[in-house]
Amino acid sequence: MGGSQSPSPYRSEVEEIIHSHKCVMFSTTYCPYCKRAKSLLEKMRVTPHILELNNHPKGNEYWQALKEITNQETVPNIFIGGVHIGGYSELLQGVRQGTVQKHFMRIGLDYYDIINEL
């Protein structure tokens, strides 16, 4: 193959998933940071749409498309209201700063604010 890769044919499929759910997490079942992100959202009483890439028939293809969309090579890869939040560290920082809560309010997603519990 040549030096540059062609765009992922799955990019539009992944973008459709991102935009059709209020909160989406691309994850793997074995990733410790994914487990932490799931736990944090669970404490906030938010149930994201989760795609476990290692169990999904198009997991590798979706992962490649996500890299194109976000320039992030790791999971979790989290979106709220179509906006890329990042991974666990960015999610935690966003909760501490209140920006994640603002995203939830913007899209009308109910949540429990745990900012005083962190």
N, C-alpha and C. Protein backbone atom coordinates (compact mmCIF):
# COMPACT_ATOMS: atom_id res chain seq x y z
N MET A 1 0.84 -1.20 0.00
CA MET A 1 0.00 0.00 0.00
C MET A 1 0.87 1.25 0.00
N GLY A 2 0.30 2.34 -0.44
CA GLY A 2 1.02 3.61 -0.52
C GLY A 2 1.16 4.27 0.84
N GLY A 3 1.71 5.47 0.83
CA GLY A 3 2.00 6.19 2.06
C GLY A 3 0.77 6.73 2.77
N SER A 4 -0.23 7.20 2.02
CA SER A 4 -1.39 7.78 2.70
C SER A 4 -2.57 6.84 2.59
N GLN A 5 -3.31 6.78 3.67
CA GLN A 5 -4.49 5.91 3.70
C GLN A 5 -5.69 6.66 3.16
N SER A 6 -6.56 5.93 2.50
CA SER A 6 -7.80 6.55 2.05
C SER A 6 -8.75 6.64 3.25
N PRO A 7 -9.70 7.56 3.16
CA PRO A 7 -10.63 7.71 4.28
C PRO A 7 -11.39 6.42 4.56
N SER A 8 -11.73 6.23 5.80
CA SER A 8 -12.45 5.03 6.20
C SER A 8 -13.84 5.01 5.58
N PRO A 9 -14.22 3.89 4.97
CA PRO A 9 -15.58 3.78 4.44
C PRO A 9 -16.62 3.70 5.55
N TYR A 10 -16.18 3.56 6.79
CA TYR A 10 -17.09 3.43 7.93
C TYR A 10 -17.28 4.76 8.67
N ARG A 11 -16.60 5.78 8.20
CA ARG A 11 -16.68 7.07 8.89
C ARG A 11 -18.12 7.58 9.02
N SER A 12 -18.88 7.55 7.94
CA SER A 12 -20.26 8.06 8.01
C SER A 12 -21.12 7.19 8.92
N GLU A 13 -20.85 5.90 8.95
CA GLU A 13 -21.58 4.99 9.85
C GLU A 13 -21.30 5.35 11.31
N VAL A 14 -20.04 5.60 11.63
CA VAL A 14 -19.66 5.97 13.00
C VAL A 14 -20.25 7.34 13.35
N GLU A 15 -20.19 8.27 12.41
CA GLU A 15 -20.76 9.60 12.67
C GLU A 15 -22.27 9.51 12.91
N GLU A 16 -22.94 8.61 12.21
CA GLU A 16 -24.38 8.41 12.43
C GLU A 16 -24.64 7.90 13.85
N ILE A 17 -23.82 6.99 14.32
CA ILE A 17 -23.94 6.47 15.70
C ILE A 17 -23.73 7.61 16.69
N ILE A 18 -22.71 8.41 16.46
CA ILE A 18 -22.39 9.52 17.36
C ILE A 18 -23.56 10.49 17.46
N HIS A 19 -24.18 10.79 16.34
CA HIS A 19 -25.23 11.82 16.32
C HIS A 19 -26.62 11.28 16.61
N SER A 20 -26.78 9.96 16.69
CA SER A 20 -28.11 9.41 16.95
C SER A 20 -28.32 9.05 18.42
N HIS A 21 -27.33 9.33 19.26
CA HIS A 21 -27.45 9.07 20.71
C HIS A 21 -26.98 10.29 21.48
N LYS A 22 -27.63 10.56 22.60
CA LYS A 22 -27.24 11.73 23.41
C LYS A 22 -25.84 11.57 23.99
N CYS A 23 -25.53 10.37 24.41
CA CYS A 23 -24.21 10.09 24.99
C CYS A 23 -23.74 8.75 24.45
N VAL A 24 -22.55 8.74 23.84
CA VAL A 24 -22.00 7.53 23.23
C VAL A 24 -20.60 7.30 23.77
N MET A 25 -20.31 6.04 24.08
CA MET A 25 -18.96 5.67 24.48
C MET A 25 -18.51 4.49 23.64
N PHE A 26 -17.42 4.68 22.92
CA PHE A 26 -16.77 3.59 22.22
C PHE A 26 -15.75 3.04 23.21
N SER A 27 -15.80 1.75 23.45
CA SER A 27 -15.11 1.14 24.57
C SER A 27 -14.58 -0.23 24.17
N THR A 28 -13.85 -0.85 25.09
CA THR A 28 -13.57 -2.29 25.01
C THR A 28 -13.88 -2.87 26.38
N THR A 29 -14.18 -4.15 26.41
CA THR A 29 -14.58 -4.78 27.67
C THR A 29 -13.42 -4.92 28.64
N TYR A 30 -12.19 -4.87 28.15
CA TYR A 30 -11.02 -5.13 28.99
C TYR A 30 -10.26 -3.87 29.42
N CYS A 31 -10.66 -2.72 28.93
CA CYS A 31 -9.93 -1.48 29.20
C CYS A 31 -10.25 -0.92 30.58
N PRO A 32 -9.24 -0.73 31.44
CA PRO A 32 -9.51 -0.20 32.79
C PRO A 32 -10.04 1.24 32.77
N TYR A 33 -9.61 2.05 31.80
CA TYR A 33 -10.11 3.43 31.73
C TYR A 33 -11.56 3.46 31.26
N CYS A 34 -11.92 2.52 30.42
CA CYS A 34 -13.33 2.40 29.99
C CYS A 34 -14.20 2.06 31.20
N LYS A 35 -13.72 1.15 32.03
CA LYS A 35 -14.47 0.76 33.23
C LYS A 35 -14.64 1.95 34.16
N ARG A 36 -13.59 2.77 34.29
CA ARG A 36 -13.68 3.96 35.14
C ARG A 36 -14.68 4.97 34.57
N ALA A 37 -14.65 5.16 33.25
CA ALA A 37 -15.59 6.09 32.62
C ALA A 37 -17.03 5.60 32.79
N LYS A 38 -17.26 4.31 32.61
CA LYS A 38 -18.60 3.74 32.79
C LYS A 38 -19.07 3.96 34.22
N SER A 39 -18.17 3.73 35.17
CA SER A 39 -18.50 3.90 36.59
C SER A 39 -18.83 5.36 36.90
N LEU A 40 -18.06 6.28 36.36
CA LEU A 40 -18.29 7.71 36.60
C LEU A 40 -19.65 8.13 36.04
N LEU A 41 -19.95 7.71 34.83
CA LEU A 41 -21.25 8.04 34.24
C LEU A 41 -22.39 7.37 35.00
N GLU A 42 -22.16 6.15 35.48
CA GLU A 42 -23.17 5.45 36.27
C GLU A 42 -23.46 6.23 37.56
N LYS A 43 -22.42 6.74 38.21
CA LYS A 43 -22.61 7.55 39.42
C LYS A 43 -23.40 8.81 39.12
N MET A 44 -23.26 9.31 37.89
CA MET A 44 -24.00 10.51 37.48
C MET A 44 -25.41 10.15 36.99
N ARG A 45 -25.72 8.85 37.01
CA ARG A 45 -27.02 8.32 36.57
C ARG A 45 -27.26 8.61 35.09
N VAL A 46 -26.20 8.53 34.32
CA VAL A 46 -26.26 8.69 32.87
C VAL A 46 -25.94 7.33 32.25
N THR A 47 -26.79 6.90 31.34
CA THR A 47 -26.58 5.62 30.67
C THR A 47 -26.21 5.89 29.22
N PRO A 48 -24.92 5.82 28.92
CA PRO A 48 -24.51 6.08 27.54
C PRO A 48 -24.83 4.88 26.64
N HIS A 49 -24.89 5.15 25.36
CA HIS A 49 -24.92 4.07 24.37
C HIS A 49 -23.48 3.60 24.26
N ILE A 50 -23.23 2.34 24.58
CA ILE A 50 -21.86 1.82 24.60
C ILE A 50 -21.66 0.82 23.48
N LEU A 51 -20.61 1.03 22.71
CA LEU A 51 -20.19 0.06 21.71
C LEU A 51 -18.88 -0.53 22.17
N GLU A 52 -18.92 -1.82 22.47
CA GLU A 52 -17.70 -2.54 22.87
C GLU A 52 -17.00 -2.98 21.57
N LEU A 53 -15.98 -2.25 21.19
CA LEU A 53 -15.34 -2.46 19.90
C LEU A 53 -14.75 -3.86 19.76
N ASN A 54 -14.29 -4.45 20.86
CA ASN A 54 -13.71 -5.79 20.77
C ASN A 54 -14.77 -6.87 20.58
N ASN A 55 -16.05 -6.55 20.80
CA ASN A 55 -17.13 -7.52 20.61
C ASN A 55 -17.99 -7.20 19.38
N HIS A 56 -17.74 -6.08 18.75
CA HIS A 56 -18.57 -5.63 17.63
C HIS A 56 -18.02 -6.18 16.32
N PRO A 57 -18.89 -6.67 15.42
CA PRO A 57 -18.39 -7.23 14.16
C PRO A 57 -17.60 -6.23 13.30
N LYS A 58 -17.86 -4.95 13.47
CA LYS A 58 -17.12 -3.92 12.72
C LYS A 58 -16.20 -3.12 13.65
N GLY A 59 -15.84 -3.70 14.77
CA GLY A 59 -15.05 -2.99 15.78
C GLY A 59 -13.76 -2.39 15.27
N ASN A 60 -12.97 -3.17 14.53
CA ASN A 60 -11.70 -2.66 14.02
C ASN A 60 -11.93 -1.53 13.02
N GLU A 61 -12.94 -1.68 12.18
CA GLU A 61 -13.25 -0.65 11.20
C GLU A 61 -13.74 0.62 11.88
N TYR A 62 -14.57 0.47 12.90
CA TYR A 62 -15.06 1.63 13.65
C TYR A 62 -13.91 2.33 14.36
N TRP A 63 -12.98 1.55 14.91
CA TRP A 63 -11.83 2.12 15.61
C TRP A 63 -11.01 2.99 14.65
N GLN A 64 -10.80 2.49 13.43
CA GLN A 64 -10.05 3.27 12.43
C GLN A 64 -10.80 4.56 12.08
N ALA A 65 -12.11 4.47 11.93
CA ALA A 65 -12.92 5.66 11.62
C ALA A 65 -12.85 6.66 12.77
N LEU A 66 -12.90 6.17 14.00
CA LEU A 66 -12.81 7.06 15.17
C LEU A 66 -11.48 7.79 15.20
N LYS A 67 -10.41 7.11 14.85
CA LYS A 67 -9.09 7.75 14.81
C LYS A 67 -9.11 8.91 13.82
N GLU A 68 -9.77 8.71 12.68
CA GLU A 68 -9.88 9.79 11.68
C GLU A 68 -10.69 10.96 12.22
N ILE A 69 -11.78 10.64 12.89
CA ILE A 69 -12.71 11.67 13.36
C ILE A 69 -12.12 12.47 14.52
N THR A 70 -11.44 11.78 15.43
CA THR A 70 -11.03 12.41 16.70
C THR A 70 -9.52 12.60 16.85
N ASN A 71 -8.71 11.93 16.06
CA ASN A 71 -7.26 11.88 16.25
C ASN A 71 -6.89 11.25 17.59
N GLN A 72 -7.80 10.51 18.17
CA GLN A 72 -7.56 9.82 19.44
C GLN A 72 -7.46 8.33 19.12
N GLU A 73 -6.37 7.72 19.57
CA GLU A 73 -6.13 6.31 19.25
C GLU A 73 -6.55 5.36 20.36
N THR A 74 -7.06 5.90 21.45
CA THR A 74 -7.37 5.06 22.61
C THR A 74 -8.88 5.08 22.90
N VAL A 75 -9.28 4.14 23.72
CA VAL A 75 -10.63 4.12 24.28
C VAL A 75 -10.50 4.33 25.77
N PRO A 76 -11.53 4.82 26.42
CA PRO A 76 -12.83 5.15 25.85
C PRO A 76 -12.75 6.39 24.97
N ASN A 77 -13.69 6.46 24.07
CA ASN A 77 -13.83 7.60 23.18
C ASN A 77 -15.28 8.05 23.36
N ILE A 78 -15.47 9.19 24.01
CA ILE A 78 -16.78 9.60 24.52
C ILE A 78 -17.30 10.83 23.78
N PHE A 79 -18.59 10.80 23.45
CA PHE A 79 -19.27 11.91 22.79
C PHE A 79 -20.54 12.24 23.56
N ILE A 80 -20.81 13.52 23.76
CA ILE A 80 -22.06 13.98 24.38
C ILE A 80 -22.69 14.97 23.42
N GLY A 81 -23.91 14.66 23.00
CA GLY A 81 -24.60 15.54 22.07
C GLY A 81 -23.83 15.76 20.79
N GLY A 82 -23.12 14.74 20.33
CA GLY A 82 -22.34 14.84 19.11
C GLY A 82 -20.99 15.51 19.27
N VAL A 83 -20.69 15.99 20.47
CA VAL A 83 -19.41 16.67 20.75
C VAL A 83 -18.43 15.68 21.35
N HIS A 84 -17.23 15.64 20.79
CA HIS A 84 -16.20 14.73 21.31
C HIS A 84 -15.67 15.25 22.65
N ILE A 85 -15.80 14.44 23.68
CA ILE A 85 -15.32 14.80 25.02
C ILE A 85 -13.87 14.34 25.19
N GLY A 86 -13.56 13.17 24.66
CA GLY A 86 -12.23 12.58 24.81
C GLY A 86 -12.33 11.24 25.49
N GLY A 87 -11.33 10.95 26.32
CA GLY A 87 -11.30 9.70 27.05
C GLY A 87 -11.67 9.90 28.50
N TYR A 88 -11.27 8.95 29.34
CA TYR A 88 -11.63 9.02 30.76
C TYR A 88 -11.07 10.26 31.44
N SER A 89 -9.80 10.58 31.21
CA SER A 89 -9.18 11.72 31.88
C SER A 89 -9.90 13.02 31.54
N GLU A 90 -10.27 13.17 30.27
CA GLU A 90 -10.99 14.38 29.85
C GLU A 90 -12.40 14.40 30.43
N LEU A 91 -13.03 13.23 30.51
CA LEU A 91 -14.36 13.14 31.12
C LEU A 91 -14.29 13.57 32.58
N LEU A 92 -13.35 13.03 33.33
CA LEU A 92 -13.21 13.36 34.74
C LEU A 92 -12.91 14.84 34.93
N GLN A 93 -11.99 15.36 34.14
CA GLN A 93 -11.65 16.79 34.23
C GLN A 93 -12.88 17.64 33.89
N GLY A 94 -13.63 17.24 32.86
CA GLY A 94 -14.82 17.97 32.47
C GLY A 94 -15.90 17.96 33.53
N VAL A 95 -16.03 16.85 34.25
CA VAL A 95 -17.00 16.78 35.35
C VAL A 95 -16.55 17.70 36.47
N ARG A 96 -15.26 17.67 36.79
CA ARG A 96 -14.72 18.52 37.86
C ARG A 96 -14.90 20.01 37.53
N GLN A 97 -14.78 20.36 36.25
CA GLN A 97 -14.89 21.75 35.82
C GLN A 97 -16.32 22.16 35.50
N GLY A 98 -17.22 21.18 35.43
CA GLY A 98 -18.63 21.47 35.13
C GLY A 98 -18.96 21.53 33.65
N THR A 99 -17.98 21.32 32.79
CA THR A 99 -18.27 21.40 31.35
C THR A 99 -19.10 20.22 30.86
N VAL A 100 -18.89 19.05 31.44
CA VAL A 100 -19.69 17.88 31.06
C VAL A 100 -21.15 18.11 31.44
N GLN A 101 -21.37 18.67 32.64
CA GLN A 101 -22.73 18.96 33.07
C GLN A 101 -23.40 19.96 32.12
N LYS A 102 -22.63 20.92 31.62
CA LYS A 102 -23.18 21.90 30.66
C LYS A 102 -23.60 21.21 29.37
N HIS A 103 -22.81 20.24 28.93
CA HIS A 103 -23.19 19.46 27.74
C HIS A 103 -24.50 18.71 28.00
N PHE A 104 -24.61 18.09 29.17
CA PHE A 104 -25.84 17.36 29.51
C PHE A 104 -27.04 18.31 29.51
N MET A 105 -26.87 19.48 30.09
CA MET A 105 -27.97 20.46 30.13
C MET A 105 -28.33 20.92 28.72
N ARG A 106 -27.33 21.15 27.90
CA ARG A 106 -27.54 21.62 26.52
C ARG A 106 -28.42 20.65 25.73
N ILE A 107 -28.24 19.35 25.96
CA ILE A 107 -29.00 18.37 25.19
C ILE A 107 -30.21 17.84 25.96
N GLY A 108 -30.45 18.38 27.17
CA GLY A 108 -31.62 17.96 27.95
C GLY A 108 -31.50 16.57 28.54
N LEU A 109 -30.29 16.17 28.91
CA LEU A 109 -30.07 14.86 29.50
C LEU A 109 -30.01 15.00 31.02
N ASP A 110 -30.90 14.32 31.71
CA ASP A 110 -30.90 14.36 33.17
C ASP A 110 -29.66 13.67 33.72
N TYR A 111 -29.14 14.20 34.80
CA TYR A 111 -27.96 13.62 35.44
C TYR A 111 -27.95 14.00 36.91
N TYR A 112 -27.17 13.25 37.67
CA TYR A 112 -26.92 13.54 39.08
C TYR A 112 -25.54 14.18 39.15
N ASP A 113 -25.46 15.37 39.71
CA ASP A 113 -24.18 16.09 39.75
C ASP A 113 -23.35 15.60 40.92
N ILE A 114 -22.23 14.97 40.60
CA ILE A 114 -21.36 14.39 41.63
C ILE A 114 -20.14 15.27 41.90
N ILE A 115 -20.17 16.51 41.44
CA ILE A 115 -18.98 17.37 41.52
C ILE A 115 -18.47 17.49 42.96
N ASN A 116 -19.34 17.49 43.93
CA ASN A 116 -18.91 17.61 45.34
C ASN A 116 -18.43 16.29 45.90
N GLU A 117 -18.58 15.21 45.16
CA GLU A 117 -18.15 13.89 45.62
C GLU A 117 -16.80 13.48 45.04
N LEU A 118 -16.26 14.31 44.16
CA LEU A 118 -14.98 13.96 43.53
C LEU A 118 -13.80 14.44 44.34
